[in-house]
Structure formats: C-alpha cells, structure tokens
Amino acid sequence: MVKHIVMFKLKNRTPETVNQLKESLSGMEGRIETLRHLEVGEDFKHSERSCDLVLITHFDNREGLSTYSSHPVHQPVLELVRSLCSQTWVVDFELP
C-alpha cells in the first residue's frame, strides 16, 4: 500500500476558502479508479506551526499513485490548490 499525504497552508484562511478546498478534495472520492481511500481533515488548533488542511489518500501501489497524479479529475483540484495555497507539503510512503 502507498500513502500520499498532503498538507495545505492557505494564503487567506477564511471559512469560504477552507470549505472550497475541502469540497474540491473530497469530490475526488469515487471518481479515480486507483484511489482506495480519501480523508480530508481541517486543523482546529490554528497554531503558528499548523497547516490548515490535510489530505490522506491510499493506493495499492506506486503506479496507482502515478495514475491519480495525472488523472483528469485531479487536475482542476491541483489548479485550485495553486490558487488558494501559499504552501503545500507532501509525503509519499509505502507500507508492507
């Protein structure tokens, strides 16, 4: 199994931008054949070190992650992320 985790820092954190990004990320669920699991979480601490949102996804293998990365459903989400976020952090790792 491959896990793909992305953390998002919004340029302008408002309830509207948080919801817009959450809905866009969640909207990929069930629409990309290699995406096995999707979670979206919103930070509640709002500390100086916090990110605003996190995306946790699971894939069967690296090829599944690659398919997701270039999938047409994923592309508009990437564009929205680029427009709303000042920074993103990504971790991809395999589990036995």
PDB file of N, CA and C in Angstrom:
ATOM      1  N   MET A   1       0.841  -1.173   0.000  1.00  0.00           N
ATOM      2  CA  MET A   1       0.000   0.000   0.000  1.00  0.00           C
ATOM      3  C   MET A   1       0.892   1.243   0.000  1.00  0.00           C
ATOM      4  N   VAL A   2       0.450   2.250  -0.723  1.00  0.00           N
ATOM      5  CA  VAL A   2       1.120   3.549  -0.770  1.00  0.00           C
ATOM      6  C   VAL A   2       0.194   4.579  -0.130  1.00  0.00           C
ATOM      7  N   LYS A   3       0.771   5.392   0.755  1.00  0.00           N
ATOM      8  CA  LYS A   3       0.032   6.516   1.331  1.00  0.00           C
ATOM      9  C   LYS A   3       0.611   7.804   0.766  1.00  0.00           C
ATOM     10  N   HIS A   4      -0.287   8.709   0.415  1.00  0.00           N
ATOM     11  CA  HIS A   4       0.058  10.021  -0.131  1.00  0.00           C
ATOM     12  C   HIS A   4      -0.613  11.042   0.780  1.00  0.00           C
ATOM     13  N   ILE A   5       0.203  11.834   1.478  1.00  0.00           N
ATOM     14  CA  ILE A   5      -0.308  12.806   2.432  1.00  0.00           C
ATOM     15  C   ILE A   5       0.123  14.195   1.989  1.00  0.00           C
ATOM     16  N   VAL A   6      -0.839  15.107   1.930  1.00  0.00           N
ATOM     17  CA  VAL A   6      -0.555  16.484   1.525  1.00  0.00           C
ATOM     18  C   VAL A   6      -1.126  17.416   2.595  1.00  0.00           C
ATOM     19  N   MET A   7      -0.300  18.371   3.021  1.00  0.00           N
ATOM     20  CA  MET A   7      -0.742  19.383   3.979  1.00  0.00           C
ATOM     21  C   MET A   7      -0.772  20.735   3.266  1.00  0.00           C
ATOM     22  N   PHE A   8      -1.799  21.513   3.551  1.00  0.00           N
ATOM     23  CA  PHE A   8      -2.056  22.759   2.829  1.00  0.00           C
ATOM     24  C   PHE A   8      -2.069  23.954   3.778  1.00  0.00           C
ATOM     25  N   LYS A   9      -1.373  25.008   3.392  1.00  0.00           N
ATOM     26  CA  LYS A   9      -1.415  26.289   4.100  1.00  0.00           C
ATOM     27  C   LYS A   9      -2.071  27.286   3.151  1.00  0.00           C
ATOM     28  N   LEU A  10      -3.230  27.784   3.531  1.00  0.00           N
ATOM     29  CA  LEU A  10      -3.978  28.718   2.691  1.00  0.00           C
ATOM     30  C   LEU A  10      -3.366  30.110   2.734  1.00  0.00           C
ATOM     31  N   LYS A  11      -3.434  30.809   1.603  1.00  0.00           N
ATOM     32  CA  LYS A  11      -2.984  32.203   1.545  1.00  0.00           C
ATOM     33  C   LYS A  11      -3.862  33.073   2.439  1.00  0.00           C
ATOM     34  N   ASN A  12      -5.161  32.840   2.355  1.00  0.00           N
ATOM     35  CA  ASN A  12      -6.139  33.626   3.096  1.00  0.00           C
ATOM     36  C   ASN A  12      -7.141  32.653   3.706  1.00  0.00           C
ATOM     37  N   ARG A  13      -6.924  32.320   4.968  1.00  0.00           N
ATOM     38  CA  ARG A  13      -7.779  31.327   5.623  1.00  0.00           C
ATOM     39  C   ARG A  13      -9.088  31.973   6.044  1.00  0.00           C
ATOM     40  N   THR A  14     -10.144  31.644   5.316  1.00  0.00           N
ATOM     41  CA  THR A  14     -11.499  32.070   5.660  1.00  0.00           C
ATOM     42  C   THR A  14     -12.373  30.821   5.643  1.00  0.00           C
ATOM     43  N   PRO A  15     -13.530  30.853   6.274  1.00  0.00           N
ATOM     44  CA  PRO A  15     -14.425  29.687   6.190  1.00  0.00           C
ATOM     45  C   PRO A  15     -14.733  29.312   4.740  1.00  0.00           C
ATOM     46  N   GLU A  16     -14.842  30.312   3.865  1.00  0.00           N
ATOM     47  CA  GLU A  16     -15.169  30.052   2.459  1.00  0.00           C
ATOM     48  C   GLU A  16     -14.032  29.303   1.751  1.00  0.00           C
ATOM     49  N   THR A  17     -12.777  29.762   1.955  1.00  0.00           N
ATOM     50  CA  THR A  17     -11.656  29.099   1.270  1.00  0.00           C
ATOM     51  C   THR A  17     -11.423  27.702   1.832  1.00  0.00           C
ATOM     52  N   VAL A  18     -11.591  27.543   3.133  1.00  0.00           N
ATOM     53  CA  VAL A  18     -11.451  26.213   3.743  1.00  0.00           C
ATOM     54  C   VAL A  18     -12.485  25.271   3.139  1.00  0.00           C
ATOM     55  N   ASN A  19     -13.734  25.692   3.106  1.00  0.00           N
ATOM     56  CA  ASN A  19     -14.794  24.834   2.562  1.00  0.00           C
ATOM     57  C   ASN A  19     -14.610  24.567   1.077  1.00  0.00           C
ATOM     58  N   GLN A  20     -14.188  25.559   0.337  1.00  0.00           N
ATOM     59  CA  GLN A  20     -13.966  25.374  -1.099  1.00  0.00           C
ATOM     60  C   GLN A  20     -12.914  24.301  -1.341  1.00  0.00           C
ATOM     61  N   LEU A  21     -11.805  24.358  -0.616  1.00  0.00           N
ATOM     62  CA  LEU A  21     -10.753  23.367  -0.803  1.00  0.00           C
ATOM     63  C   LEU A  21     -11.188  22.001  -0.284  1.00  0.00           C
ATOM     64  N   LYS A  22     -11.841  21.956   0.875  1.00  0.00           N
ATOM     65  CA  LYS A  22     -12.326  20.678   1.408  1.00  0.00           C
ATOM     66  C   LYS A  22     -13.261  19.984   0.422  1.00  0.00           C
ATOM     67  N   GLU A  23     -14.196  20.734  -0.134  1.00  0.00           N
ATOM     68  CA  GLU A  23     -15.154  20.154  -1.082  1.00  0.00           C
ATOM     69  C   GLU A  23     -14.470  19.669  -2.347  1.00  0.00           C
ATOM     70  N   SER A  24     -13.500  20.423  -2.828  1.00  0.00           N
ATOM     71  CA  SER A  24     -12.777  20.027  -4.033  1.00  0.00           C
ATOM     72  C   SER A  24     -11.988  18.740  -3.796  1.00  0.00           C
ATOM     73  N   LEU A  25     -11.287  18.680  -2.681  1.00  0.00           N
ATOM     74  CA  LEU A  25     -10.508  17.477  -2.356  1.00  0.00           C
ATOM     75  C   LEU A  25     -11.428  16.277  -2.156  1.00  0.00           C
ATOM     76  N   SER A  26     -12.476  16.445  -1.375  1.00  0.00           N
ATOM     77  CA  SER A  26     -13.415  15.345  -1.114  1.00  0.00           C
ATOM     78  C   SER A  26     -14.142  14.899  -2.374  1.00  0.00           C
ATOM     79  N   GLY A  27     -14.316  15.807  -3.313  1.00  0.00           N
ATOM     80  CA  GLY A  27     -15.021  15.494  -4.551  1.00  0.00           C
ATOM     81  C   GLY A  27     -14.313  14.491  -5.451  1.00  0.00           C
ATOM     82  N   MET A  28     -13.054  14.203  -5.160  1.00  0.00           N
ATOM     83  CA  MET A  28     -12.332  13.194  -5.956  1.00  0.00           C
ATOM     84  C   MET A  28     -12.711  11.768  -5.561  1.00  0.00           C
ATOM     85  N   GLU A  29     -13.263  11.606  -4.369  1.00  0.00           N
ATOM     86  CA  GLU A  29     -13.590  10.268  -3.866  1.00  0.00           C
ATOM     87  C   GLU A  29     -14.563   9.561  -4.804  1.00  0.00           C
ATOM     88  N   GLY A  30     -14.215   8.321  -5.167  1.00  0.00           N
ATOM     89  CA  GLY A  30     -15.057   7.513  -6.039  1.00  0.00           C
ATOM     90  C   GLY A  30     -14.969   7.858  -7.511  1.00  0.00           C
ATOM     91  N   ARG A  31     -14.117   8.806  -7.881  1.00  0.00           N
ATOM     92  CA  ARG A  31     -14.037   9.242  -9.273  1.00  0.00           C
ATOM     93  C   ARG A  31     -12.701   8.913  -9.934  1.00  0.00           C
ATOM     94  N   ILE A  32     -11.764   8.366  -9.149  1.00  0.00           N
ATOM     95  CA  ILE A  32     -10.456   7.968  -9.682  1.00  0.00           C
ATOM     96  C   ILE A  32     -10.262   6.506  -9.313  1.00  0.00           C
ATOM     97  N   GLU A  33     -10.142   5.672 -10.322  1.00  0.00           N
ATOM     98  CA  GLU A  33     -10.188   4.223 -10.112  1.00  0.00           C
ATOM     99  C   GLU A  33      -9.091   3.676  -9.204  1.00  0.00           C
ATOM    100  N   THR A  34      -7.950   4.307  -9.123  1.00  0.00           N
ATOM    101  CA  THR A  34      -6.857   3.781  -8.296  1.00  0.00           C
ATOM    102  C   THR A  34      -6.868   4.334  -6.872  1.00  0.00           C
ATOM    103  N   LEU A  35      -7.733   5.291  -6.591  1.00  0.00           N
ATOM    104  CA  LEU A  35      -7.817   5.911  -5.268  1.00  0.00           C
ATOM    105  C   LEU A  35      -8.655   5.022  -4.352  1.00  0.00           C
ATOM    106  N   ARG A  36      -8.007   4.390  -3.372  1.00  0.00           N
ATOM    107  CA  ARG A  36      -8.675   3.414  -2.498  1.00  0.00           C
ATOM    108  C   ARG A  36      -9.284   4.041  -1.245  1.00  0.00           C
ATOM    109  N   HIS A  37      -8.708   5.143  -0.785  1.00  0.00           N
ATOM    110  CA  HIS A  37      -9.183   5.771   0.447  1.00  0.00           C
ATOM    111  C   HIS A  37      -8.838   7.251   0.389  1.00  0.00           C
ATOM    112  N   LEU A  38      -9.736   8.089   0.894  1.00  0.00           N
ATOM    113  CA  LEU A  38      -9.507   9.528   0.910  1.00  0.00           C
ATOM    114  C   LEU A  38     -10.068  10.114   2.194  1.00  0.00           C
ATOM    115  N   GLU A  39      -9.253  10.893   2.880  1.00  0.00           N
ATOM    116  CA  GLU A  39      -9.678  11.631   4.074  1.00  0.00           C
ATOM    117  C   GLU A  39      -9.231  13.074   3.915  1.00  0.00           C
ATOM    118  N   VAL A  40     -10.062  13.985   4.354  1.00  0.00           N
ATOM    119  CA  VAL A  40      -9.698  15.397   4.399  1.00  0.00           C
ATOM    120  C   VAL A  40      -9.951  15.868   5.824  1.00  0.00           C
ATOM    121  N   GLY A  41      -8.931  16.498   6.417  1.00  0.00           N
ATOM    122  CA  GLY A  41      -9.075  16.992   7.780  1.00  0.00           C
ATOM    123  C   GLY A  41      -8.740  18.466   7.858  1.00  0.00           C
ATOM    124  N   GLU A  42      -9.478  19.165   8.728  1.00  0.00           N
ATOM    125  CA  GLU A  42      -9.266  20.593   8.950  1.00  0.00           C
ATOM    126  C   GLU A  42      -8.634  20.791  10.320  1.00  0.00           C
ATOM    127  N   ASP A  43      -7.583  21.573  10.371  1.00  0.00           N
ATOM    128  CA  ASP A  43      -6.901  21.865  11.629  1.00  0.00           C
ATOM    129  C   ASP A  43      -7.811  22.667  12.554  1.00  0.00           C
ATOM    130  N   PHE A  44      -7.827  22.300  13.836  1.00  0.00           N
ATOM    131  CA  PHE A  44      -8.638  23.039  14.797  1.00  0.00           C
ATOM    132  C   PHE A  44      -7.807  23.867  15.779  1.00  0.00           C
ATOM    133  N   LYS A  45      -6.484  23.669  15.785  1.00  0.00           N
ATOM    134  CA  LYS A  45      -5.643  24.401  16.735  1.00  0.00           C
ATOM    135  C   LYS A  45      -5.271  25.803  16.254  1.00  0.00           C
ATOM    136  N   HIS A  46      -5.045  25.940  14.977  1.00  0.00           N
ATOM    137  CA  HIS A  46      -4.670  27.223  14.386  1.00  0.00           C
ATOM    138  C   HIS A  46      -3.423  27.817  15.036  1.00  0.00           C
ATOM    139  N   SER A  47      -2.469  26.957  15.342  1.00  0.00           N
ATOM    140  CA  SER A  47      -1.215  27.445  15.907  1.00  0.00           C
ATOM    141  C   SER A  47      -0.317  27.989  14.798  1.00  0.00           C
ATOM    142  N   GLU A  48       0.729  28.639  15.185  1.00  0.00           N
ATOM    143  CA  GLU A  48       1.674  29.198  14.220  1.00  0.00           C
ATOM    144  C   GLU A  48       2.269  28.111  13.322  1.00  0.00           C
ATOM    145  N   ARG A  49       2.444  26.915  13.851  1.00  0.00           N
ATOM    146  CA  ARG A  49       3.045  25.804  13.105  1.00  0.00           C
ATOM    147  C   ARG A  49       2.031  24.975  12.324  1.00  0.00           C
ATOM    148  N   SER A  50       0.763  25.235  12.495  1.00  0.00           N
ATOM    149  CA  SER A  50      -0.286  24.407  11.885  1.00  0.00           C
ATOM    150  C   SER A  50      -0.447  24.661  10.393  1.00  0.00           C
ATOM    151  N   CYS A  51      -0.823  23.601   9.706  1.00  0.00           N
ATOM    152  CA  CYS A  51      -1.354  23.722   8.352  1.00  0.00           C
ATOM    153  C   CYS A  51      -2.868  23.857   8.489  1.00  0.00           C
ATOM    154  N   ASP A  52      -3.520  24.277   7.437  1.00  0.00           N
ATOM    155  CA  ASP A  52      -4.961  24.482   7.505  1.00  0.00           C
ATOM    156  C   ASP A  52      -5.767  23.220   7.210  1.00  0.00           C
ATOM    157  N   LEU A  53      -5.292  22.428   6.251  1.00  0.00           N
ATOM    158  CA  LEU A  53      -5.980  21.197   5.858  1.00  0.00           C
ATOM    159  C   LEU A  53      -4.962  20.109   5.576  1.00  0.00           C
ATOM    160  N   VAL A  54      -5.427  18.874   5.662  1.00  0.00           N
ATOM    161  CA  VAL A  54      -4.593  17.740   5.282  1.00  0.00           C
ATOM    162  C   VAL A  54      -5.429  16.794   4.418  1.00  0.00           C
ATOM    163  N   LEU A  55      -4.767  16.187   3.428  1.00  0.00           N
ATOM    164  CA  LEU A  55      -5.362  15.166   2.571  1.00  0.00           C
ATOM    165  C   LEU A  55      -4.575  13.882   2.787  1.00  0.00           C
ATOM    166  N   ILE A  56      -5.281  12.799   3.099  1.00  0.00           N
ATOM    167  CA  ILE A  56      -4.648  11.489   3.259  1.00  0.00           C
ATOM    168  C   ILE A  56      -5.312  10.544   2.270  1.00  0.00           C
ATOM    169  N   THR A  57      -4.497   9.968   1.378  1.00  0.00           N
ATOM    170  CA  THR A  57      -5.024   9.044   0.376  1.00  0.00           C
ATOM    171  C   THR A  57      -4.226   7.746   0.393  1.00  0.00           C
ATOM    172  N   HIS A  58      -4.878   6.663  -0.037  1.00  0.00           N
ATOM    173  CA  HIS A  58      -4.244   5.347  -0.120  1.00  0.00           C
ATOM    174  C   HIS A  58      -4.385   4.800  -1.538  1.00  0.00           C
ATOM    175  N   PHE A  59      -3.347   4.101  -1.972  1.00  0.00           N
ATOM    176  CA  PHE A  59      -3.304   3.453  -3.288  1.00  0.00           C
ATOM    177  C   PHE A  59      -2.719   2.061  -3.125  1.00  0.00           C
ATOM    178  N   ASP A  60      -3.009   1.171  -4.057  1.00  0.00           N
ATOM    179  CA  ASP A  60      -2.461  -0.179  -3.989  1.00  0.00           C
ATOM    180  C   ASP A  60      -0.951  -0.195  -4.165  1.00  0.00           C
ATOM    181  N   ASN A  61      -0.444   0.711  -5.017  1.00  0.00           N
ATOM    182  CA  ASN A  61       0.976   0.698  -5.359  1.00  0.00           C
ATOM    183  C   ASN A  61       1.389   2.051  -5.940  1.00  0.00           C
ATOM    184  N   ARG A  62       2.656   2.164  -6.304  1.00  0.00           N
ATOM    185  CA  ARG A  62       3.170   3.422  -6.861  1.00  0.00           C
ATOM    186  C   ARG A  62       2.513   3.768  -8.187  1.00  0.00           C
ATOM    187  N   GLU A  63       2.181   2.763  -8.969  1.00  0.00           N
ATOM    188  CA  GLU A  63       1.521   3.011 -10.253  1.00  0.00           C
ATOM    189  C   GLU A  63       0.150   3.641 -10.042  1.00  0.00           C
ATOM    190  N   GLY A  64      -0.554   3.206  -8.998  1.00  0.00           N
ATOM    191  CA  GLY A  64      -1.853   3.797  -8.678  1.00  0.00           C
ATOM    192  C   GLY A  64      -1.728   5.264  -8.318  1.00  0.00           C
ATOM    193  N   LEU A  65      -0.680   5.601  -7.570  1.00  0.00           N
ATOM    194  CA  LEU A  65      -0.425   6.998  -7.229  1.00  0.00           C
ATOM    195  C   LEU A  65      -0.106   7.804  -8.483  1.00  0.00           C
ATOM    196  N   SER A  66       0.667   7.227  -9.369  1.00  0.00           N
ATOM    197  CA  SER A  66       1.019   7.905 -10.616  1.00  0.00           C
ATOM    198  C   SER A  66      -0.221   8.170 -11.470  1.00  0.00           C
ATOM    199  N   THR A  67      -1.107   7.184 -11.548  1.00  0.00           N
ATOM    200  CA  THR A  67      -2.363   7.347 -12.288  1.00  0.00           C
ATOM    201  C   THR A  67      -3.186   8.479 -11.696  1.00  0.00           C
ATOM    202  N   TYR A  68      -3.289   8.520 -10.381  1.00  0.00           N
ATOM    203  CA  TYR A  68      -4.006   9.585  -9.681  1.00  0.00           C
ATOM    204  C   TYR A  68      -3.410  10.950  -9.992  1.00  0.00           C
ATOM    205  N   SER A  69      -2.095  11.040  -9.940  1.00  0.00           N
ATOM    206  CA  SER A  69      -1.410  12.321 -10.132  1.00  0.00           C
ATOM    207  C   SER A  69      -1.737  12.964 -11.467  1.00  0.00           C
ATOM    208  N   SER A  70      -1.870  12.157 -12.503  1.00  0.00           N
ATOM    209  CA  SER A  70      -2.124  12.700 -13.839  1.00  0.00           C
ATOM    210  C   SER A  70      -3.593  12.580 -14.268  1.00  0.00           C
ATOM    211  N   HIS A  71      -4.450  12.108 -13.400  1.00  0.00           N
ATOM    212  CA  HIS A  71      -5.855  11.871 -13.739  1.00  0.00           C
ATOM    213  C   HIS A  71      -6.590  13.198 -14.008  1.00  0.00           C
ATOM    214  N   PRO A  72      -7.477  13.221 -15.009  1.00  0.00           N
ATOM    215  CA  PRO A  72      -8.231  14.439 -15.333  1.00  0.00           C
ATOM    216  C   PRO A  72      -9.088  14.977 -14.178  1.00  0.00           C
ATOM    217  N   VAL A  73      -9.548  14.129 -13.287  1.00  0.00           N
ATOM    218  CA  VAL A  73     -10.328  14.586 -12.133  1.00  0.00           C
ATOM    219  C   VAL A  73      -9.429  15.335 -11.144  1.00  0.00           C
ATOM    220  N   HIS A  74      -8.173  14.947 -11.073  1.00  0.00           N
ATOM    221  CA  HIS A  74      -7.214  15.547 -10.134  1.00  0.00           C
ATOM    222  C   HIS A  74      -6.704  16.908 -10.616  1.00  0.00           C
ATOM    223  N   GLN A  75      -6.650  17.121 -11.907  1.00  0.00           N
ATOM    224  CA  GLN A  75      -6.051  18.344 -12.457  1.00  0.00           C
ATOM    225  C   GLN A  75      -6.719  19.643 -11.996  1.00  0.00           C
ATOM    226  N   PRO A  76      -8.043  19.760 -12.033  1.00  0.00           N
ATOM    227  CA  PRO A  76      -8.654  21.007 -11.548  1.00  0.00           C
ATOM    228  C   PRO A  76      -8.438  21.227 -10.045  1.00  0.00           C
ATOM    229  N   VAL A  77      -8.308  20.151  -9.300  1.00  0.00           N
ATOM    230  CA  VAL A  77      -8.026  20.260  -7.866  1.00  0.00           C
ATOM    231  C   VAL A  77      -6.641  20.868  -7.671  1.00  0.00           C
ATOM    232  N   LEU A  78      -5.674  20.403  -8.463  1.00  0.00           N
ATOM    233  CA  LEU A  78      -4.325  20.975  -8.402  1.00  0.00           C
ATOM    234  C   LEU A  78      -4.345  22.472  -8.709  1.00  0.00           C
ATOM    235  N   GLU A  79      -5.097  22.864  -9.707  1.00  0.00           N
ATOM    236  CA  GLU A  79      -5.194  24.280 -10.067  1.00  0.00           C
ATOM    237  C   GLU A  79      -5.786  25.102  -8.925  1.00  0.00           C
ATOM    238  N   LEU A  80      -6.806  24.571  -8.281  1.00  0.00           N
ATOM    239  CA  LEU A  80      -7.404  25.270  -7.151  1.00  0.00           C
ATOM    240  C   LEU A  80      -6.397  25.394  -6.005  1.00  0.00           C
ATOM    241  N   VAL A  81      -5.683  24.321  -5.728  1.00  0.00           N
ATOM    242  CA  VAL A  81      -4.654  24.343  -4.683  1.00  0.00           C
ATOM    243  C   VAL A  81      -3.624  25.430  -4.986  1.00  0.00           C
ATOM    244  N   ARG A  82      -3.174  25.501  -6.211  1.00  0.00           N
ATOM    245  CA  ARG A  82      -2.184  26.512  -6.592  1.00  0.00           C
ATOM    246  C   ARG A  82      -2.728  27.929  -6.404  1.00  0.00           C
ATOM    247  N   SER A  83      -4.011  28.118  -6.621  1.00  0.00           N
ATOM    248  CA  SER A  83      -4.586  29.459  -6.493  1.00  0.00           C
ATOM    249  C   SER A  83      -4.871  29.840  -5.037  1.00  0.00           C
ATOM    250  N   LEU A  84      -5.181  28.866  -4.190  1.00  0.00           N
ATOM    251  CA  LEU A  84      -5.576  29.167  -2.807  1.00  0.00           C
ATOM    252  C   LEU A  84      -4.464  29.031  -1.775  1.00  0.00           C
ATOM    253  N   CYS A  85      -3.432  28.267  -2.080  1.00  0.00           N
ATOM    254  CA  CYS A  85      -2.441  27.918  -1.063  1.00  0.00           C
ATOM    255  C   CYS A  85      -1.121  28.655  -1.243  1.00  0.00           C
ATOM    256  N   SER A  86      -0.554  29.033  -0.121  1.00  0.00           N
ATOM    257  CA  SER A  86       0.776  29.640  -0.138  1.00  0.00           C
ATOM    258  C   SER A  86       1.852  28.571  -0.097  1.00  0.00           C
ATOM    259  N   GLN A  87       1.543  27.431   0.538  1.00  0.00           N
ATOM    260  CA  GLN A  87       2.499  26.328   0.612  1.00  0.00           C
ATOM    261  C   GLN A  87       1.760  25.008   0.707  1.00  0.00           C
ATOM    262  N   THR A  88       2.418  23.974   0.220  1.00  0.00           N
ATOM    263  CA  THR A  88       1.945  22.601   0.417  1.00  0.00           C
ATOM    264  C   THR A  88       3.139  21.735   0.760  1.00  0.00           C
ATOM    265  N   TRP A  89       2.892  20.695   1.520  1.00  0.00           N
ATOM    266  CA  TRP A  89       3.912  19.709   1.863  1.00  0.00           C
ATOM    267  C   TRP A  89       3.356  18.333   1.536  1.00  0.00           C
ATOM    268  N   VAL A  90       4.221  17.476   0.987  1.00  0.00           N
ATOM    269  CA  VAL A  90       3.789  16.157   0.540  1.00  0.00           C
ATOM    270  C   VAL A  90       4.722  15.094   1.097  1.00  0.00           C
ATOM    271  N   VAL A  91       4.117  13.974   1.516  1.00  0.00           N
ATOM    272  CA  VAL A  91       4.876  12.787   1.898  1.00  0.00           C
ATOM    273  C   VAL A  91       4.216  11.601   1.206  1.00  0.00           C
ATOM    274  N   ASP A  92       5.024  10.806   0.513  1.00  0.00           N
ATOM    275  CA  ASP A  92       4.577   9.563  -0.118  1.00  0.00           C
ATOM    276  C   ASP A  92       5.400   8.432   0.481  1.00  0.00           C
ATOM    277  N   PHE A  93       4.730   7.383   0.975  1.00  0.00           N
ATOM    278  CA  PHE A  93       5.477   6.262   1.528  1.00  0.00           C
ATOM    279  C   PHE A  93       4.718   4.957   1.332  1.00  0.00           C
ATOM    280  N   GLU A  94       5.493   3.874   1.392  1.00  0.00           N
ATOM    281  CA  GLU A  94       4.922   2.534   1.195  1.00  0.00           C
ATOM    282  C   GLU A  94       4.840   1.799   2.518  1.00  0.00           C
ATOM    283  N   LEU A  95       3.787   1.021   2.643  1.00  0.00           N
ATOM    284  CA  LEU A  95       3.616   0.115   3.766  1.00  0.00           C
ATOM    285  C   LEU A  95       3.672  -1.305   3.238  1.00  0.00           C
ATOM    286  N   PRO A  96       4.150  -2.222   4.037  1.00  0.00           N
ATOM    287  CA  PRO A  96       4.208  -3.627   3.559  1.00  0.00           C
ATOM    288  C   PRO A  96       2.818  -4.215   3.346  1.00  0.00           C
TER     289      PRO A  96
END
